[in-house]
Each structure stands twice: as C-alpha cells, then as structure tokens.
Amino acid sequence: MALPTFFKQSPSLTLADIAASTKARLVDAGKADHVITGVASLDEAGPHHLTFFENLRYADQLARTHAGAVLVSEGFRGEIPAHVAVLRTKRPFAAFVELARELQSDTLRPASGFGVSGISEQAIIHPTALIEDDVTVDPLAVIGPDVEIGSGTIIGSGAVIAAGVKIGRDCNIGAGSVLQFTLIGNNVLVHPGCKFGQDGFGFVFGRDRHIKVPQTGRVLIQNDVEIGAGTTIDRGSLRDTVIGEGTKIDNQVQIGHNVTIGRHCVIAAKCGLAGSLTIGDNVALGAMVGLNNHITIGDGAQVAAMAGVKDSIPPRARWGGIFARPTKQWFREILAVEKLARETAPGADTEPRDAKDEQE
C-alpha cells in the first residue's frame, strides 16, 4: 500500500461500523469488533485494511489477499481466504468508494499548495478585482482587473486569472493554470496546468498566407465540473464554448472553439475535440478519441478508446474504430479481416473449417 505521507491518517472503524455505513451484510457476526484502519487494494491490503472484489480478473488476488475484510457481491461464491471477513453488498466498488470518501475526505479536493488560507503577500492582485471572504490565493498567483472570485475558492501558485474572468464559489484553480475570457460556476475543480480561453484555431487558409479569424466568444464552465491537468479549452469565435454541469474531463484533453458539451459527460485522457461540434448529455468518450468538427454526438452515446469519429453519432449508440462506426459492425469487420488473413497466409490450411472453429 502507498504510504499515506501526504494525507491525514484515516480514523479507525469496526466492521460493525462499516456494515452500518455501507448497508453491507457482515457474514460472520463474530468479527463485528475487528478494527479497520484504512483501505487498500487486494494485493497490498493487510489485516487491518478493507478491500473490495468486483472483477473476476482479480480472483487470484482475492484468493491470496491478506486483507482484514472484503466487500463482495451477494452472488459471489468463489474462494475467499478464511481469515478475511466478508461484507456482502449489491455494488462492492460503490460501497468501497462511499466508505473511502468518508475515511479520506481530504483527498477529494486539493488544498492550498502551501497549507495556508487567505491571500498571500506574494500574490499580485489588481485593485479592481473583487474577492469574497474565505478565498485562498497562493504565492505568485496573478489576478487581473475586474476579476471576481467567490468564497471558498482556492487559486494555486503561479495561476494567472486574466482580466474580467469570473470564478464562482468553492472552486479550485490548479497551480500554473491560465484563465482568460472565461466564466466559471460553483464547485469547479481545475487541476494544474490548464489553459482556458486562448484563441481557437480559426483561419482563412490561402496559398500565400493564412488570415486569422477573430475569436470573440468565451469559455463557459457550469457547476460541478472537474477538468484534468494540462487540458486546454479554446474560447468560441462567434459563439461560446460551453462545458455542461457535472461533466468530468481527464488530463490533456483539447477542446476546440465553439464546442458545446452537455451535462454529466465523461471524457477520458488525450481526447481531441475539433471546433463547432456538439456533445449531448451523459456521453462517454474513451481515451484518445478524436472528434471531427461540425458533428453531433447524441445523448448517452459511448465512443470506444482511440476511435476516430468523422460522422454524427445517434443517441445511446456505441461506436468505435477508425473511422468510427457501430461497435457490432466494427467487431464483425475485424473478425472478417482476421479470417481473411488466416486463409491467405502462406501455408494456410485451405480445408473448410467447422462451425465451431468459425465461432472461435
């Protein structure tokens, strides 16, 4: 288990406490007083750790774990070591996370990088900036004219908040981030090194020169959004770039100008979103997905990792591949190509294969 060097020591709980908190069923009531002092993975847990098991890929780790207790599903009947107390629940990982959030609440939101509150004397703040009470500004942050920052917000060291930017309450702006032409709601978490509001990539291309298109829009980030380190969001040209409420964006994502992202979307690392596309609510994009400009991704759609999407995707569809198409079609094409490669390889068996082989 990783040493808890940077975080507070978790409070101790008995298995009876944990069962009550997670609404799990403790199989052996005789272990109700066993004390748990922290959480850990199956392979690193010790006698006073709680762990969970939900994926059959880790059955071998479960059989060898030294954990004091494990959360498992009601229906699981596999091998669990006798020394491990069993807590049964419908959703083991969700229950584990619920308890981990309680035990390790200080990990959920970054604090000041200097462990202080208030405004550092080493910060540069324009006299026209409006900063509510209970705002923390770390050293070397720069806050420009007419900026507004709500209470409970933390501005990390080296962050630059340019003229006119508005940041709501209980937000975190990570160290080294640069925000311009941006309006941010409440409870928004921006990890270090993000860049918002720079020019979109807009040019009239010509043989002799490329003429820059004015980018006069903004970046609008609604409440409860989280944005990973190193992500860039271009401001709009003729309309705003919008990130919808509750959306979670991973590290190193590029979002082009005029993009609209709906509510409660999940966008994994290194995705590239070209300009003027629209993403509906509850959309999930796997890592390294590339989306063409001027397309629409419907509500609830899912796109597999490393897909290249050039066409609009209907609501609740699942697409993958390059170029992306419905996953069932994509899988059939992969199998067909593999079959063709086997049949045309030098020395390949030209005899017909039976139905069982074809299915395999």
Protein backbone atom coordinates (compact mmCIF):
# COMPACT_ATOMS: atom_id res chain seq x y z
CA MET A 1 0.00 0.00 0.00
CA ALA A 2 1.19 3.53 -0.76
CA LEU A 3 2.41 5.31 2.36
CA PRO A 4 -0.10 7.98 3.43
CA THR A 5 2.62 10.63 3.53
CA PHE A 6 0.55 13.47 2.09
CA PHE A 7 -2.85 12.74 3.64
CA LYS A 8 -4.35 12.51 7.09
CA GLN A 9 -4.44 9.19 8.92
CA SER A 10 -7.83 7.51 8.46
CA PRO A 11 -9.99 7.11 11.57
CA SER A 12 -10.40 3.56 12.86
CA LEU A 13 -13.74 1.79 12.36
CA THR A 14 -15.05 -1.61 13.38
CA LEU A 15 -16.59 -3.95 10.83
CA ALA A 16 -19.92 -3.31 12.54
CA ASP A 17 -19.45 0.41 11.83
CA ILE A 18 -18.57 -0.31 8.21
CA ALA A 19 -21.54 -2.63 7.71
CA ALA A 20 -23.86 0.05 9.06
CA SER A 21 -22.28 2.81 6.95
CA THR A 22 -22.33 0.87 3.65
CA LYS A 23 -25.50 -1.16 4.37
CA ALA A 24 -23.48 -4.31 3.68
CA ARG A 25 -24.15 -7.66 5.38
CA LEU A 26 -21.34 -8.91 7.62
CA VAL A 27 -21.37 -12.69 7.07
CA ASP A 28 -19.58 -13.60 10.33
CA ALA A 29 -21.09 -11.53 13.15
CA GLY A 30 -18.28 -12.75 15.41
CA LYS A 31 -15.90 -10.41 13.56
CA ALA A 32 -18.01 -7.31 14.18
CA ASP A 33 -15.42 -5.81 16.56
CA HIS A 34 -12.46 -6.24 14.20
CA VAL A 35 -10.86 -2.83 13.66
CA ILE A 36 -10.18 -1.39 10.19
CA THR A 37 -7.69 1.46 9.95
CA GLY A 38 -7.67 2.07 6.21
CA VAL A 39 -8.48 0.88 2.69
CA ALA A 40 -6.22 -0.82 0.16
CA SER A 41 -6.13 -2.92 -3.00
CA LEU A 42 -6.46 -6.71 -2.85
CA ASP A 43 -2.75 -7.33 -3.40
CA GLU A 44 -1.49 -4.71 -0.93
CA ALA A 45 -4.04 -4.93 1.89
CA GLY A 46 -3.06 -6.06 5.37
CA PRO A 47 -5.02 -7.42 8.35
CA HIS A 48 -6.48 -4.02 9.25
CA HIS A 49 -7.42 -2.92 5.73
CA LEU A 50 -10.73 -3.07 3.92
CA THR A 51 -10.65 -4.00 0.23
CA PHE A 52 -13.21 -4.95 -2.42
CA PHE A 53 -13.70 -7.54 -5.14
CA GLU A 54 -15.89 -6.94 -8.19
CA ASN A 55 -13.94 -8.08 -11.25
CA LEU A 56 -13.30 -11.80 -11.88
CA ARG A 57 -9.94 -10.92 -13.42
CA TYR A 58 -8.67 -10.44 -9.88
CA ALA A 59 -9.90 -13.74 -8.46
CA ASP A 60 -6.32 -14.93 -7.93
CA GLN A 61 -5.53 -11.79 -5.92
CA LEU A 62 -8.65 -12.36 -3.82
CA ALA A 63 -7.55 -15.92 -3.05
CA ARG A 64 -4.14 -14.62 -1.84
CA THR A 65 -5.16 -11.40 -0.11
CA HIS A 66 -4.12 -10.62 3.46
CA ALA A 67 -6.92 -8.08 3.93
CA GLY A 68 -8.89 -7.92 7.13
CA ALA A 69 -12.19 -7.58 5.26
CA VAL A 70 -13.53 -7.54 1.72
CA LEU A 71 -16.68 -6.18 0.12
CA VAL A 72 -18.09 -8.67 -2.40
CA SER A 73 -21.39 -9.08 -4.23
CA GLU A 74 -24.26 -11.10 -2.78
CA GLY A 75 -24.00 -13.65 -5.57
CA PHE A 76 -20.24 -14.31 -5.49
CA ARG A 77 -19.42 -17.86 -4.35
CA GLY A 78 -15.72 -18.08 -5.21
CA GLU A 79 -12.77 -18.70 -2.94
CA ILE A 80 -12.20 -16.18 -0.12
CA PRO A 81 -9.48 -16.87 2.49
CA ALA A 82 -10.87 -17.89 5.90
CA HIS A 83 -9.10 -15.05 7.71
CA VAL A 84 -10.89 -12.39 5.61
CA ALA A 85 -14.19 -11.05 6.95
CA VAL A 86 -16.82 -10.93 4.20
CA LEU A 87 -19.18 -7.99 3.71
CA ARG A 88 -21.80 -8.70 1.06
CA THR A 89 -23.44 -5.91 -0.90
CA LYS A 90 -25.05 -5.39 -4.31
CA ARG A 91 -22.33 -2.99 -5.54
CA PRO A 92 -18.99 -3.67 -3.83
CA PHE A 93 -16.96 -0.97 -5.53
CA ALA A 94 -19.60 1.70 -4.97
CA ALA A 95 -19.77 0.75 -1.29
CA PHE A 96 -15.95 0.80 -1.07
CA VAL A 97 -15.81 4.28 -2.61
CA GLU A 98 -18.53 5.53 -0.28
CA LEU A 99 -16.51 4.45 2.73
CA ALA A 100 -13.18 5.64 1.28
CA ARG A 101 -14.69 9.10 0.76
CA GLU A 102 -15.63 9.15 4.43
CA LEU A 103 -12.22 7.96 5.62
CA GLN A 104 -10.17 10.07 3.23
CA SER A 105 -12.21 13.21 2.74
CA ASP A 106 -9.07 15.35 2.47
CA THR A 107 -8.19 13.67 -0.85
CA LEU A 108 -11.36 14.80 -2.61
CA ARG A 109 -10.44 18.42 -3.10
CA PRO A 110 -6.98 19.98 -3.37
CA ALA A 111 -5.94 22.32 -0.58
CA SER A 112 -3.56 25.23 -0.79
CA GLY A 113 -0.17 24.07 -2.03
CA PHE A 114 1.31 25.92 0.95
CA GLY A 115 -1.15 24.64 3.52
CA VAL A 116 -2.41 28.12 4.31
CA SER A 117 -5.59 30.14 3.94
CA GLY A 118 -6.10 33.74 2.91
CA ILE A 119 -4.30 35.83 0.33
CA SER A 120 -0.53 35.54 0.12
CA GLU A 121 1.53 38.70 0.24
CA GLN A 122 3.46 37.29 -2.71
CA ALA A 123 0.34 37.20 -4.93
CA ILE A 124 -0.26 40.00 -7.43
CA ILE A 125 -3.85 41.23 -7.33
CA HIS A 126 -5.23 44.15 -9.32
CA PRO A 127 -7.04 46.71 -7.13
CA THR A 128 -10.26 46.37 -9.16
CA ALA A 129 -10.55 42.61 -8.55
CA LEU A 130 -13.48 41.61 -6.34
CA ILE A 131 -12.59 38.75 -4.00
CA GLU A 132 -15.10 37.45 -1.45
CA ASP A 133 -14.18 36.37 2.07
CA ASP A 134 -12.59 32.96 2.63
CA VAL A 135 -10.69 32.90 -0.67
CA THR A 136 -7.17 31.45 -0.69
CA VAL A 137 -4.60 32.82 -3.13
CA ASP A 138 -1.21 31.10 -3.07
CA PRO A 139 2.11 32.87 -3.69
CA LEU A 140 2.95 34.06 -7.21
CA ALA A 141 -0.63 33.86 -8.45
CA VAL A 142 -1.66 36.82 -10.64
CA ILE A 143 -5.21 38.16 -10.60
CA GLY A 144 -6.09 40.80 -13.19
CA PRO A 145 -8.50 43.73 -13.36
CA ASP A 146 -12.25 43.22 -12.83
CA VAL A 147 -11.80 39.56 -11.88
CA GLU A 148 -14.45 38.19 -9.50
CA ILE A 149 -13.76 35.20 -7.22
CA GLY A 150 -16.33 33.59 -4.90
CA SER A 151 -15.84 32.48 -1.31
CA GLY A 152 -14.23 29.12 -0.59
CA THR A 153 -12.22 29.17 -3.82
CA ILE A 154 -8.50 28.35 -3.90
CA ILE A 155 -6.17 29.85 -6.51
CA GLY A 156 -2.96 27.87 -6.87
CA SER A 157 0.56 29.19 -7.03
CA GLY A 158 1.55 30.63 -10.41
CA ALA A 159 -2.01 30.69 -11.75
CA VAL A 160 -2.92 33.63 -13.96
CA ILE A 161 -6.52 34.87 -13.84
CA ALA A 162 -6.81 37.42 -16.65
CA ALA A 163 -8.99 40.49 -16.86
CA GLY A 164 -12.73 40.04 -16.42
CA VAL A 165 -12.68 36.33 -15.57
CA LYS A 166 -15.43 35.26 -13.15
CA ILE A 167 -14.95 32.26 -10.82
CA GLY A 168 -17.76 31.02 -8.56
CA ARG A 169 -17.68 29.69 -5.04
CA ASP A 170 -15.85 26.61 -3.70
CA CYS A 171 -13.70 26.20 -6.80
CA ASN A 172 -10.07 25.11 -7.16
CA ILE A 173 -7.82 26.59 -9.83
CA GLY A 174 -4.65 24.50 -10.01
CA ALA A 175 -1.12 25.81 -9.93
CA GLY A 176 0.18 27.14 -13.22
CA SER A 177 -3.24 27.38 -14.88
CA VAL A 178 -4.07 30.34 -17.14
CA LEU A 179 -7.67 31.53 -17.48
CA GLN A 180 -8.86 34.26 -19.82
CA PHE A 181 -12.24 35.11 -21.37
CA THR A 182 -13.75 32.51 -19.03
CA LEU A 183 -16.77 32.32 -16.72
CA ILE A 184 -16.81 29.51 -14.16
CA GLY A 185 -19.69 28.34 -11.95
CA ASN A 186 -19.60 26.90 -8.44
CA ASN A 187 -17.72 23.83 -7.17
CA VAL A 188 -15.49 23.55 -10.23
CA LEU A 189 -12.16 21.72 -9.88
CA VAL A 190 -9.44 22.73 -12.34
CA HIS A 191 -6.24 20.70 -11.99
CA PRO A 192 -2.77 22.21 -12.52
CA GLY A 193 -1.54 23.45 -15.86
CA CYS A 194 -4.88 24.02 -17.59
CA LYS A 195 -5.28 26.74 -20.21
CA PHE A 196 -8.74 28.21 -20.91
CA GLY A 197 -9.86 30.94 -23.25
CA GLN A 198 -7.00 31.13 -25.72
CA ASP A 199 -7.70 31.65 -29.43
CA GLY A 200 -9.49 28.93 -31.29
CA PHE A 201 -7.74 27.55 -34.37
CA GLY A 202 -9.54 29.67 -36.95
CA PHE A 203 -8.01 30.83 -40.21
CA VAL A 204 -8.98 31.55 -43.79
CA PHE A 205 -6.35 29.44 -45.49
CA GLY A 206 -4.60 30.71 -48.61
CA ARG A 207 -1.60 29.86 -50.73
CA ASP A 208 0.39 32.93 -49.72
CA ARG A 209 -0.90 33.49 -46.21
CA HIS A 210 -3.45 32.31 -43.65
CA ILE A 211 -5.76 35.04 -42.37
CA LYS A 212 -6.75 34.84 -38.70
CA VAL A 213 -10.46 34.78 -37.88
CA PRO A 214 -11.42 36.92 -34.85
CA GLN A 215 -12.31 34.79 -31.82
CA THR A 216 -14.78 36.88 -29.83
CA GLY A 217 -16.56 34.21 -27.77
CA ARG A 218 -15.97 32.96 -24.24
CA VAL A 219 -15.49 29.74 -22.30
CA LEU A 220 -18.46 28.94 -20.04
CA ILE A 221 -17.95 26.22 -17.42
CA GLN A 222 -21.05 25.27 -15.45
CA ASN A 223 -21.33 23.99 -11.86
CA ASP A 224 -19.69 20.80 -10.54
CA VAL A 225 -17.30 20.31 -13.45
CA GLU A 226 -13.86 18.71 -12.96
CA ILE A 227 -11.10 19.27 -15.51
CA GLY A 228 -7.84 17.32 -15.55
CA ALA A 229 -4.28 18.61 -15.65
CA GLY A 230 -2.95 20.08 -18.87
CA THR A 231 -6.35 20.38 -20.56
CA THR A 232 -6.91 23.26 -22.99
CA ILE A 233 -10.27 24.82 -23.85
CA ASP A 234 -10.38 27.36 -26.68
CA ARG A 235 -12.78 30.26 -26.46
CA GLY A 236 -15.52 30.49 -29.07
CA SER A 237 -15.38 32.52 -32.25
CA LEU A 238 -18.97 33.57 -32.97
CA ARG A 239 -20.48 31.73 -30.01
CA ASP A 240 -19.27 30.44 -26.64
CA THR A 241 -17.50 27.20 -25.86
CA VAL A 242 -19.62 25.51 -23.18
CA ILE A 243 -18.87 22.73 -20.67
CA GLY A 244 -22.07 21.41 -19.12
CA GLU A 245 -22.91 20.85 -15.48
CA GLY A 246 -21.33 17.85 -13.76
CA THR A 247 -19.08 16.89 -16.68
CA LYS A 248 -15.74 15.24 -15.82
CA ILE A 249 -12.77 15.76 -18.15
CA ASP A 250 -9.48 13.88 -17.80
CA ASN A 251 -5.91 15.10 -18.35
CA GLN A 252 -4.54 16.56 -21.58
CA VAL A 253 -7.80 16.96 -23.46
CA GLN A 254 -8.05 19.55 -26.26
CA ILE A 255 -11.43 21.22 -26.72
CA GLY A 256 -11.74 23.44 -29.78
CA HIS A 257 -13.65 26.66 -30.24
CA ASN A 258 -17.48 26.73 -30.29
CA VAL A 259 -17.71 23.22 -28.82
CA THR A 260 -20.77 22.53 -26.68
CA ILE A 261 -20.51 19.66 -24.18
CA GLY A 262 -23.66 18.60 -22.34
CA ARG A 263 -24.26 17.69 -18.72
CA HIS A 264 -22.65 14.79 -16.84
CA CYS A 265 -20.37 13.68 -19.68
CA VAL A 266 -17.15 11.73 -19.10
CA ILE A 267 -14.17 12.46 -21.36
CA ALA A 268 -11.00 10.40 -20.87
CA ALA A 269 -7.40 11.47 -21.37
CA LYS A 270 -5.94 12.87 -24.59
CA CYS A 271 -9.21 13.25 -26.46
CA GLY A 272 -9.23 15.85 -29.23
CA LEU A 273 -12.48 17.70 -29.90
CA ALA A 274 -12.48 19.76 -33.08
CA GLY A 275 -14.34 23.05 -33.32
CA SER A 276 -18.08 23.62 -33.56
CA LEU A 277 -19.17 20.13 -32.56
CA THR A 278 -21.99 19.37 -30.14
CA ILE A 279 -21.97 16.67 -27.48
CA GLY A 280 -25.21 15.77 -25.72
CA ASP A 281 -25.80 14.82 -22.09
CA ASN A 282 -24.29 11.72 -20.43
CA VAL A 283 -21.87 10.99 -23.28
CA ALA A 284 -18.75 8.89 -22.56
CA LEU A 285 -15.58 9.23 -24.66
CA GLY A 286 -12.73 6.74 -24.17
CA ALA A 287 -9.09 7.79 -24.11
CA MET A 288 -7.58 9.34 -27.25
CA VAL A 289 -10.86 9.69 -29.12
CA GLY A 290 -10.76 12.22 -31.94
CA LEU A 291 -13.96 14.01 -32.98
CA ASN A 292 -14.41 15.80 -36.30
CA ASN A 293 -15.73 19.34 -36.40
CA HIS A 294 -19.38 20.24 -37.01
CA ILE A 295 -20.78 16.86 -35.89
CA THR A 296 -23.22 15.92 -33.13
CA ILE A 297 -22.81 13.17 -30.54
CA GLY A 298 -26.26 12.23 -29.22
CA ASP A 299 -27.31 11.92 -25.60
CA GLY A 300 -25.98 8.83 -23.84
CA ALA A 301 -23.67 7.78 -26.70
CA GLN A 302 -20.43 5.92 -25.94
CA VAL A 303 -17.27 6.03 -28.05
CA ALA A 304 -14.52 3.43 -27.59
CA ALA A 305 -10.93 4.47 -26.90
CA MET A 306 -8.76 5.60 -29.84
CA ALA A 307 -11.75 5.94 -32.16
CA GLY A 308 -11.70 8.49 -34.96
CA VAL A 309 -15.17 9.94 -35.40
CA LYS A 310 -15.98 11.77 -38.65
CA ASP A 311 -19.78 11.46 -38.63
CA SER A 312 -22.52 12.30 -36.15
CA ILE A 313 -23.49 9.57 -33.69
CA PRO A 314 -27.14 8.99 -32.74
CA PRO A 315 -28.30 8.99 -29.11
CA ARG A 316 -27.39 5.98 -26.93
CA ALA A 317 -25.29 4.41 -29.70
CA ARG A 318 -21.96 2.66 -29.11
CA TRP A 319 -19.29 3.32 -31.73
CA GLY A 320 -15.61 2.50 -32.15
CA GLY A 321 -12.81 2.11 -34.68
CA ILE A 322 -11.20 4.29 -37.34
CA PHE A 323 -13.29 5.61 -38.89
CA ALA A 324 -15.82 5.01 -36.12
CA ARG A 325 -18.97 3.01 -36.76
CA PRO A 326 -21.36 0.97 -34.58
CA THR A 327 -19.33 -1.41 -32.42
CA LYS A 328 -21.13 -4.55 -33.60
CA GLN A 329 -20.27 -3.68 -37.20
CA TRP A 330 -16.70 -2.82 -36.20
CA PHE A 331 -16.22 -6.16 -34.44
CA ARG A 332 -17.66 -8.10 -37.41
CA GLU A 333 -15.26 -6.34 -39.76
CA ILE A 334 -12.28 -7.13 -37.50
CA LEU A 335 -13.24 -10.81 -37.40
CA ALA A 336 -13.72 -10.87 -41.17
CA VAL A 337 -10.28 -9.36 -41.77
CA GLU A 338 -8.65 -11.80 -39.34
CA LYS A 339 -10.35 -14.70 -41.09
CA LEU A 340 -9.18 -13.44 -44.49
CA ALA A 341 -5.63 -13.04 -43.19
CA ARG A 342 -5.60 -16.64 -41.90
CA GLU A 343 -6.94 -18.01 -45.17
CA THR A 344 -4.47 -16.12 -47.37
CA ALA A 345 -1.36 -16.60 -45.24
CA PRO A 346 1.40 -18.76 -46.77
CA GLY A 347 0.86 -22.39 -45.83
CA ALA A 348 -2.65 -21.72 -44.57
CA ASP A 349 -4.97 -24.71 -44.33
CA THR A 350 -7.36 -24.41 -47.29
CA GLU A 351 -9.75 -27.03 -45.92
CA PRO A 352 -13.09 -25.62 -44.73
CA ARG A 353 -13.23 -25.01 -41.00
CA ASP A 354 -16.13 -26.35 -38.99
CA ALA A 355 -18.73 -24.11 -37.41
CA LYS A 356 -17.11 -24.31 -34.00
CA ASP A 357 -13.79 -23.04 -35.36
CA GLU A 358 -15.55 -20.20 -37.17
CA GLN A 359 -17.22 -19.09 -33.95
CA GLU A 360 -13.88 -19.13 -32.13
